[in-house]
Amino acid sequence: MGKCKRRTLYKSNTSYFMTRETAVNNIFKMFSEKSRKKTNFKSALDTISLFGISAEELTEAGLPYENIKALEPLIN
């Protein structure tokens, strides 16, 4: 059995699912980290576009207004 198959057996089924609420929380964590890496920004944008998260939802999660204004062309 290959390494990939062995690794997927150890993952739980919950690791494959993400709710809208956890997606918004993850986005907030990605933007609030001190070291804003390019990969975190790309992952955050991918998650925003995947779930169709609006600026209003991000504001309710606690993301600063300046960050949302900077993302305005990319989100609804």
PDB file of N, CA and C in Angstrom:
ATOM      1  N   MET A   1       0.847  -1.177   0.000  1.00  0.00           N
ATOM      2  CA  MET A   1       0.000   0.000   0.000  1.00  0.00           C
ATOM      3  C   MET A   1       0.893   1.240   0.000  1.00  0.00           C
ATOM      4  N   GLY A   2       0.583   2.204  -0.827  1.00  0.00           N
ATOM      5  CA  GLY A   2       1.388   3.413  -0.954  1.00  0.00           C
ATOM      6  C   GLY A   2       1.233   4.351   0.230  1.00  0.00           C
ATOM      7  N   LYS A   3       2.117   5.335   0.285  1.00  0.00           N
ATOM      8  CA  LYS A   3       2.105   6.282   1.403  1.00  0.00           C
ATOM      9  C   LYS A   3       0.817   7.099   1.441  1.00  0.00           C
ATOM     10  N   CYS A   4       0.363   7.495   0.285  1.00  0.00           N
ATOM     11  CA  CYS A   4      -0.831   8.333   0.221  1.00  0.00           C
ATOM     12  C   CYS A   4      -2.040   7.595   0.787  1.00  0.00           C
ATOM     13  N   LYS A   5      -2.214   6.352   0.409  1.00  0.00           N
ATOM     14  CA  LYS A   5      -3.346   5.582   0.910  1.00  0.00           C
ATOM     15  C   LYS A   5      -3.245   5.392   2.415  1.00  0.00           C
ATOM     16  N   ARG A   6      -2.054   5.190   2.902  1.00  0.00           N
ATOM     17  CA  ARG A   6      -1.856   4.984   4.326  1.00  0.00           C
ATOM     18  C   ARG A   6      -2.188   6.261   5.101  1.00  0.00           C
ATOM     19  N   ARG A   7      -1.821   7.404   4.550  1.00  0.00           N
ATOM     20  CA  ARG A   7      -2.092   8.669   5.237  1.00  0.00           C
ATOM     21  C   ARG A   7      -3.580   8.971   5.296  1.00  0.00           C
ATOM     22  N   THR A   8      -4.307   8.677   4.221  1.00  0.00           N
ATOM     23  CA  THR A   8      -5.728   8.987   4.224  1.00  0.00           C
ATOM     24  C   THR A   8      -6.505   8.086   5.168  1.00  0.00           C
ATOM     25  N   LEU A   9      -5.991   6.927   5.474  1.00  0.00           N
ATOM     26  CA  LEU A   9      -6.673   6.060   6.433  1.00  0.00           C
ATOM     27  C   LEU A   9      -6.623   6.638   7.841  1.00  0.00           C
ATOM     28  N   TYR A  10      -5.576   7.401   8.145  1.00  0.00           N
ATOM     29  CA  TYR A  10      -5.428   7.947   9.481  1.00  0.00           C
ATOM     30  C   TYR A  10      -6.257   9.218   9.699  1.00  0.00           C
ATOM     31  N   LYS A  11      -6.704   9.831   8.630  1.00  0.00           N
ATOM     32  CA  LYS A  11      -7.515  11.043   8.760  1.00  0.00           C
ATOM     33  C   LYS A  11      -8.926  10.667   9.187  1.00  0.00           C
ATOM     34  N   SER A  12      -9.525  11.509   9.994  1.00  0.00           N
ATOM     35  CA  SER A  12     -10.914  11.266  10.378  1.00  0.00           C
ATOM     36  C   SER A  12     -11.837  11.848   9.314  1.00  0.00           C
ATOM     37  N   ASN A  13     -13.060  11.424   9.315  1.00  0.00           N
ATOM     38  CA  ASN A  13     -14.014  11.913   8.316  1.00  0.00           C
ATOM     39  C   ASN A  13     -14.323  13.387   8.498  1.00  0.00           C
ATOM     40  N   THR A  14     -14.198  13.904   9.712  1.00  0.00           N
ATOM     41  CA  THR A  14     -14.512  15.308   9.941  1.00  0.00           C
ATOM     42  C   THR A  14     -13.463  16.233   9.340  1.00  0.00           C
ATOM     43  N   SER A  15     -12.281  15.733   9.041  1.00  0.00           N
ATOM     44  CA  SER A  15     -11.258  16.605   8.471  1.00  0.00           C
ATOM     45  C   SER A  15     -11.568  16.975   7.023  1.00  0.00           C
ATOM     46  N   TYR A  16     -12.494  16.300   6.401  1.00  0.00           N
ATOM     47  CA  TYR A  16     -12.837  16.587   5.018  1.00  0.00           C
ATOM     48  C   TYR A  16     -13.974  17.610   4.887  1.00  0.00           C
ATOM     49  N   PHE A  17     -14.624  17.961   5.990  1.00  0.00           N
ATOM     50  CA  PHE A  17     -15.777  18.844   5.950  1.00  0.00           C
ATOM     51  C   PHE A  17     -15.471  20.174   6.621  1.00  0.00           C
ATOM     52  N   MET A  18     -15.991  21.237   6.030  1.00  0.00           N
ATOM     53  CA  MET A  18     -15.852  22.559   6.612  1.00  0.00           C
ATOM     54  C   MET A  18     -17.186  23.268   6.489  1.00  0.00           C
ATOM     55  N   THR A  19     -17.700  23.740   7.598  1.00  0.00           N
ATOM     56  CA  THR A  19     -18.944  24.487   7.558  1.00  0.00           C
ATOM     57  C   THR A  19     -18.646  25.944   7.228  1.00  0.00           C
ATOM     58  N   ARG A  20     -19.684  26.678   6.947  1.00  0.00           N
ATOM     59  CA  ARG A  20     -19.535  28.093   6.624  1.00  0.00           C
ATOM     60  C   ARG A  20     -18.962  28.860   7.829  1.00  0.00           C
ATOM     61  N   GLU A  21     -19.411  28.476   9.014  1.00  0.00           N
ATOM     62  CA  GLU A  21     -18.947  29.134  10.230  1.00  0.00           C
ATOM     63  C   GLU A  21     -17.448  28.909  10.461  1.00  0.00           C
ATOM     64  N   THR A  22     -16.998  27.686  10.275  1.00  0.00           N
ATOM     65  CA  THR A  22     -15.572  27.413  10.455  1.00  0.00           C
ATOM     66  C   THR A  22     -14.746  28.069   9.352  1.00  0.00           C
ATOM     67  N   ALA A  23     -15.332  28.209   8.172  1.00  0.00           N
ATOM     68  CA  ALA A  23     -14.625  28.886   7.082  1.00  0.00           C
ATOM     69  C   ALA A  23     -14.384  30.354   7.429  1.00  0.00           C
ATOM     70  N   VAL A  24     -15.407  31.018   7.971  1.00  0.00           N
ATOM     71  CA  VAL A  24     -15.261  32.423   8.351  1.00  0.00           C
ATOM     72  C   VAL A  24     -14.244  32.556   9.481  1.00  0.00           C
ATOM     73  N   ASN A  25     -14.272  31.631  10.438  1.00  0.00           N
ATOM     74  CA  ASN A  25     -13.298  31.669  11.533  1.00  0.00           C
ATOM     75  C   ASN A  25     -11.874  31.451  11.025  1.00  0.00           C
ATOM     76  N   ASN A  26     -11.707  30.544  10.073  1.00  0.00           N
ATOM     77  CA  ASN A  26     -10.384  30.303   9.500  1.00  0.00           C
ATOM     78  C   ASN A  26      -9.867  31.518   8.745  1.00  0.00           C
ATOM     79  N   ILE A  27     -10.744  32.183   8.018  1.00  0.00           N
ATOM     80  CA  ILE A  27     -10.358  33.393   7.283  1.00  0.00           C
ATOM     81  C   ILE A  27      -9.920  34.478   8.260  1.00  0.00           C
ATOM     82  N   PHE A  28     -10.666  34.628   9.353  1.00  0.00           N
ATOM     83  CA  PHE A  28     -10.310  35.615  10.371  1.00  0.00           C
ATOM     84  C   PHE A  28      -8.935  35.310  10.945  1.00  0.00           C
ATOM     85  N   LYS A  29      -8.658  34.035  11.223  1.00  0.00           N
ATOM     86  CA  LYS A  29      -7.354  33.642  11.763  1.00  0.00           C
ATOM     87  C   LYS A  29      -6.238  33.916  10.764  1.00  0.00           C
ATOM     88  N   MET A  30      -6.499  33.669   9.486  1.00  0.00           N
ATOM     89  CA  MET A  30      -5.479  33.884   8.463  1.00  0.00           C
ATOM     90  C   MET A  30      -5.092  35.357   8.349  1.00  0.00           C
ATOM     91  N   PHE A  31      -6.085  36.247   8.473  1.00  0.00           N
ATOM     92  CA  PHE A  31      -5.802  37.673   8.343  1.00  0.00           C
ATOM     93  C   PHE A  31      -5.301  38.289   9.636  1.00  0.00           C
ATOM     94  N   SER A  32      -5.589  37.677  10.769  1.00  0.00           N
ATOM     95  CA  SER A  32      -5.182  38.274  12.038  1.00  0.00           C
ATOM     96  C   SER A  32      -3.811  37.806  12.504  1.00  0.00           C
ATOM     97  N   GLU A  33      -3.213  36.837  11.835  1.00  0.00           N
ATOM     98  CA  GLU A  33      -1.881  36.379  12.217  1.00  0.00           C
ATOM     99  C   GLU A  33      -0.855  37.477  11.984  1.00  0.00           C
ATOM    100  N   LYS A  34       0.149  37.482  12.836  1.00  0.00           N
ATOM    101  CA  LYS A  34       1.205  38.506  12.729  1.00  0.00           C
ATOM    102  C   LYS A  34       1.983  38.371  11.432  1.00  0.00           C
ATOM    103  N   SER A  35       2.329  37.150  11.078  1.00  0.00           N
ATOM    104  CA  SER A  35       3.087  36.935   9.839  1.00  0.00           C
ATOM    105  C   SER A  35       2.107  36.655   8.712  1.00  0.00           C
ATOM    106  N   ARG A  36       1.824  37.655   7.939  1.00  0.00           N
ATOM    107  CA  ARG A  36       0.881  37.498   6.820  1.00  0.00           C
ATOM    108  C   ARG A  36       1.636  36.958   5.625  1.00  0.00           C
ATOM    109  N   LYS A  37       1.597  35.671   5.514  1.00  0.00           N
ATOM    110  CA  LYS A  37       2.295  35.027   4.409  1.00  0.00           C
ATOM    111  C   LYS A  37       1.441  35.087   3.156  1.00  0.00           C
ATOM    112  N   LYS A  38       2.080  34.974   2.036  1.00  0.00           N
ATOM    113  CA  LYS A  38       1.382  34.993   0.756  1.00  0.00           C
ATOM    114  C   LYS A  38       0.458  33.785   0.631  1.00  0.00           C
ATOM    115  N   THR A  39       0.875  32.649   1.196  1.00  0.00           N
ATOM    116  CA  THR A  39       0.054  31.447   1.117  1.00  0.00           C
ATOM    117  C   THR A  39      -1.221  31.596   1.939  1.00  0.00           C
ATOM    118  N   ASN A  40      -1.131  32.272   3.108  1.00  0.00           N
ATOM    119  CA  ASN A  40      -2.323  32.502   3.917  1.00  0.00           C
ATOM    120  C   ASN A  40      -3.317  33.385   3.168  1.00  0.00           C
ATOM    121  N   PHE A  41      -2.812  34.421   2.503  1.00  0.00           N
ATOM    122  CA  PHE A  41      -3.681  35.317   1.748  1.00  0.00           C
ATOM    123  C   PHE A  41      -4.364  34.574   0.608  1.00  0.00           C
ATOM    124  N   LYS A  42      -3.600  33.744  -0.098  1.00  0.00           N
ATOM    125  CA  LYS A  42      -4.167  32.960  -1.206  1.00  0.00           C
ATOM    126  C   LYS A  42      -5.199  31.971  -0.690  1.00  0.00           C
ATOM    127  N   SER A  43      -4.917  31.298   0.413  1.00  0.00           N
ATOM    128  CA  SER A  43      -5.861  30.346   0.991  1.00  0.00           C
ATOM    129  C   SER A  43      -7.136  31.048   1.449  1.00  0.00           C
ATOM    130  N   ALA A  44      -6.978  32.232   2.024  1.00  0.00           N
ATOM    131  CA  ALA A  44      -8.146  32.993   2.472  1.00  0.00           C
ATOM    132  C   ALA A  44      -9.025  33.388   1.288  1.00  0.00           C
ATOM    133  N   LEU A  45      -8.401  33.853   0.212  1.00  0.00           N
ATOM    134  CA  LEU A  45      -9.174  34.229  -0.976  1.00  0.00           C
ATOM    135  C   LEU A  45      -9.860  33.017  -1.604  1.00  0.00           C
ATOM    136  N   ASP A  46      -9.180  31.887  -1.605  1.00  0.00           N
ATOM    137  CA  ASP A  46      -9.786  30.662  -2.131  1.00  0.00           C
ATOM    138  C   ASP A  46     -11.005  30.253  -1.304  1.00  0.00           C
ATOM    139  N   THR A  47     -10.888  30.363   0.004  1.00  0.00           N
ATOM    140  CA  THR A  47     -12.001  30.001   0.884  1.00  0.00           C
ATOM    141  C   THR A  47     -13.163  30.974   0.717  1.00  0.00           C
ATOM    142  N   ILE A  48     -12.856  32.258   0.565  1.00  0.00           N
ATOM    143  CA  ILE A  48     -13.907  33.262   0.353  1.00  0.00           C
ATOM    144  C   ILE A  48     -14.669  32.974  -0.926  1.00  0.00           C
ATOM    145  N   SER A  49     -13.951  32.678  -1.990  1.00  0.00           N
ATOM    146  CA  SER A  49     -14.624  32.417  -3.267  1.00  0.00           C
ATOM    147  C   SER A  49     -15.350  31.075  -3.269  1.00  0.00           C
ATOM    148  N   LEU A  50     -14.830  30.093  -2.535  1.00  0.00           N
ATOM    149  CA  LEU A  50     -15.474  28.790  -2.480  1.00  0.00           C
ATOM    150  C   LEU A  50     -16.827  28.862  -1.792  1.00  0.00           C
ATOM    151  N   PHE A  51     -16.893  29.560  -0.677  1.00  0.00           N
ATOM    152  CA  PHE A  51     -18.130  29.656   0.084  1.00  0.00           C
ATOM    153  C   PHE A  51     -18.981  30.855  -0.303  1.00  0.00           C
ATOM    154  N   GLY A  52     -18.448  31.778  -1.081  1.00  0.00           N
ATOM    155  CA  GLY A  52     -19.198  32.975  -1.459  1.00  0.00           C
ATOM    156  C   GLY A  52     -19.473  33.860  -0.261  1.00  0.00           C
ATOM    157  N   ILE A  53     -18.481  34.015   0.584  1.00  0.00           N
ATOM    158  CA  ILE A  53     -18.644  34.773   1.818  1.00  0.00           C
ATOM    159  C   ILE A  53     -18.681  36.260   1.502  1.00  0.00           C
ATOM    160  N   SER A  54     -19.611  36.956   2.124  1.00  0.00           N
ATOM    161  CA  SER A  54     -19.769  38.382   1.877  1.00  0.00           C
ATOM    162  C   SER A  54     -18.953  39.194   2.872  1.00  0.00           C
ATOM    163  N   ALA A  55     -18.807  40.470   2.565  1.00  0.00           N
ATOM    164  CA  ALA A  55     -18.067  41.370   3.445  1.00  0.00           C
ATOM    165  C   ALA A  55     -18.786  41.530   4.778  1.00  0.00           C
ATOM    166  N   GLU A  56     -20.085  41.470   4.754  1.00  0.00           N
ATOM    167  CA  GLU A  56     -20.880  41.599   5.976  1.00  0.00           C
ATOM    168  C   GLU A  56     -20.576  40.470   6.967  1.00  0.00           C
ATOM    169  N   GLU A  57     -20.431  39.254   6.455  1.00  0.00           N
ATOM    170  CA  GLU A  57     -20.105  38.121   7.314  1.00  0.00           C
ATOM    171  C   GLU A  57     -18.715  38.270   7.932  1.00  0.00           C
ATOM    172  N   LEU A  58     -17.775  38.771   7.144  1.00  0.00           N
ATOM    173  CA  LEU A  58     -16.421  38.971   7.661  1.00  0.00           C
ATOM    174  C   LEU A  58     -16.382  40.070   8.708  1.00  0.00           C
ATOM    175  N   THR A  59     -17.202  41.095   8.542  1.00  0.00           N
ATOM    176  CA  THR A  59     -17.282  42.163   9.527  1.00  0.00           C
ATOM    177  C   THR A  59     -17.845  41.632  10.842  1.00  0.00           C
ATOM    178  N   GLU A  60     -18.867  40.792  10.747  1.00  0.00           N
ATOM    179  CA  GLU A  60     -19.457  40.206  11.951  1.00  0.00           C
ATOM    180  C   GLU A  60     -18.470  39.293  12.663  1.00  0.00           C
ATOM    181  N   ALA A  61     -17.549  38.685  11.920  1.00  0.00           N
ATOM    182  CA  ALA A  61     -16.548  37.804  12.525  1.00  0.00           C
ATOM    183  C   ALA A  61     -15.465  38.609  13.243  1.00  0.00           C
ATOM    184  N   GLY A  62     -15.353  39.900  12.936  1.00  0.00           N
ATOM    185  CA  GLY A  62     -14.385  40.748  13.621  1.00  0.00           C
ATOM    186  C   GLY A  62     -13.233  41.202  12.766  1.00  0.00           C
ATOM    187  N   LEU A  63     -13.291  40.983  11.473  1.00  0.00           N
ATOM    188  CA  LEU A  63     -12.218  41.434  10.586  1.00  0.00           C
ATOM    189  C   LEU A  63     -12.270  42.961  10.486  1.00  0.00           C
ATOM    190  N   PRO A  64     -11.138  43.637  10.611  1.00  0.00           N
ATOM    191  CA  PRO A  64     -11.137  45.102  10.562  1.00  0.00           C
ATOM    192  C   PRO A  64     -11.640  45.644   9.218  1.00  0.00           C
ATOM    193  N   TYR A  65     -12.217  46.828   9.289  1.00  0.00           N
ATOM    194  CA  TYR A  65     -12.806  47.471   8.121  1.00  0.00           C
ATOM    195  C   TYR A  65     -11.771  47.712   7.027  1.00  0.00           C
ATOM    196  N   GLU A  66     -10.552  48.039   7.423  1.00  0.00           N
ATOM    197  CA  GLU A  66      -9.497  48.319   6.439  1.00  0.00           C
ATOM    198  C   GLU A  66      -9.178  47.085   5.600  1.00  0.00           C
ATOM    199  N   ASN A  67      -9.159  45.927   6.241  1.00  0.00           N
ATOM    200  CA  ASN A  67      -8.895  44.689   5.502  1.00  0.00           C
ATOM    201  C   ASN A  67     -10.027  44.377   4.529  1.00  0.00           C
ATOM    202  N   ILE A  68     -11.235  44.634   4.953  1.00  0.00           N
ATOM    203  CA  ILE A  68     -12.382  44.358   4.078  1.00  0.00           C
ATOM    204  C   ILE A  68     -12.395  45.326   2.898  1.00  0.00           C
ATOM    205  N   LYS A  69     -12.045  46.595   3.141  1.00  0.00           N
ATOM    206  CA  LYS A  69     -11.969  47.563   2.043  1.00  0.00           C
ATOM    207  C   LYS A  69     -10.902  47.160   1.038  1.00  0.00           C
ATOM    208  N   ALA A  70      -9.809  46.583   1.523  1.00  0.00           N
ATOM    209  CA  ALA A  70      -8.749  46.149   0.618  1.00  0.00           C
ATOM    210  C   ALA A  70      -9.198  44.955  -0.218  1.00  0.00           C
ATOM    211  N   LEU A  71     -10.078  44.133   0.332  1.00  0.00           N
ATOM    212  CA  LEU A  71     -10.588  42.949  -0.380  1.00  0.00           C
ATOM    213  C   LEU A  71     -11.831  43.235  -1.207  1.00  0.00           C
ATOM    214  N   GLU A  72     -12.329  44.460  -1.169  1.00  0.00           N
ATOM    215  CA  GLU A  72     -13.600  44.798  -1.804  1.00  0.00           C
ATOM    216  C   GLU A  72     -13.719  44.370  -3.269  1.00  0.00           C
ATOM    217  N   PRO A  73     -12.687  44.533  -4.102  1.00  0.00           N
ATOM    218  CA  PRO A  73     -12.843  44.104  -5.492  1.00  0.00           C
ATOM    219  C   PRO A  73     -12.948  42.574  -5.642  1.00  0.00           C
ATOM    220  N   LEU A  74     -12.515  41.842  -4.616  1.00  0.00           N
ATOM    221  CA  LEU A  74     -12.475  40.390  -4.724  1.00  0.00           C
ATOM    222  C   LEU A  74     -13.691  39.695  -4.122  1.00  0.00           C
ATOM    223  N   ILE A  75     -14.421  40.400  -3.257  1.00  0.00           N
ATOM    224  CA  ILE A  75     -15.596  39.780  -2.622  1.00  0.00           C
ATOM    225  C   ILE A  75     -16.824  40.597  -2.927  1.00  0.00           C
ATOM    226  N   ASN A  76     -17.978  40.000  -2.630  1.00  0.00           N
ATOM    227  CA  ASN A  76     -19.270  40.665  -2.911  1.00  0.00           C
ATOM    228  C   ASN A  76     -19.510  41.804  -1.961  1.00  0.00           C
TER     229      ASN A  76
END
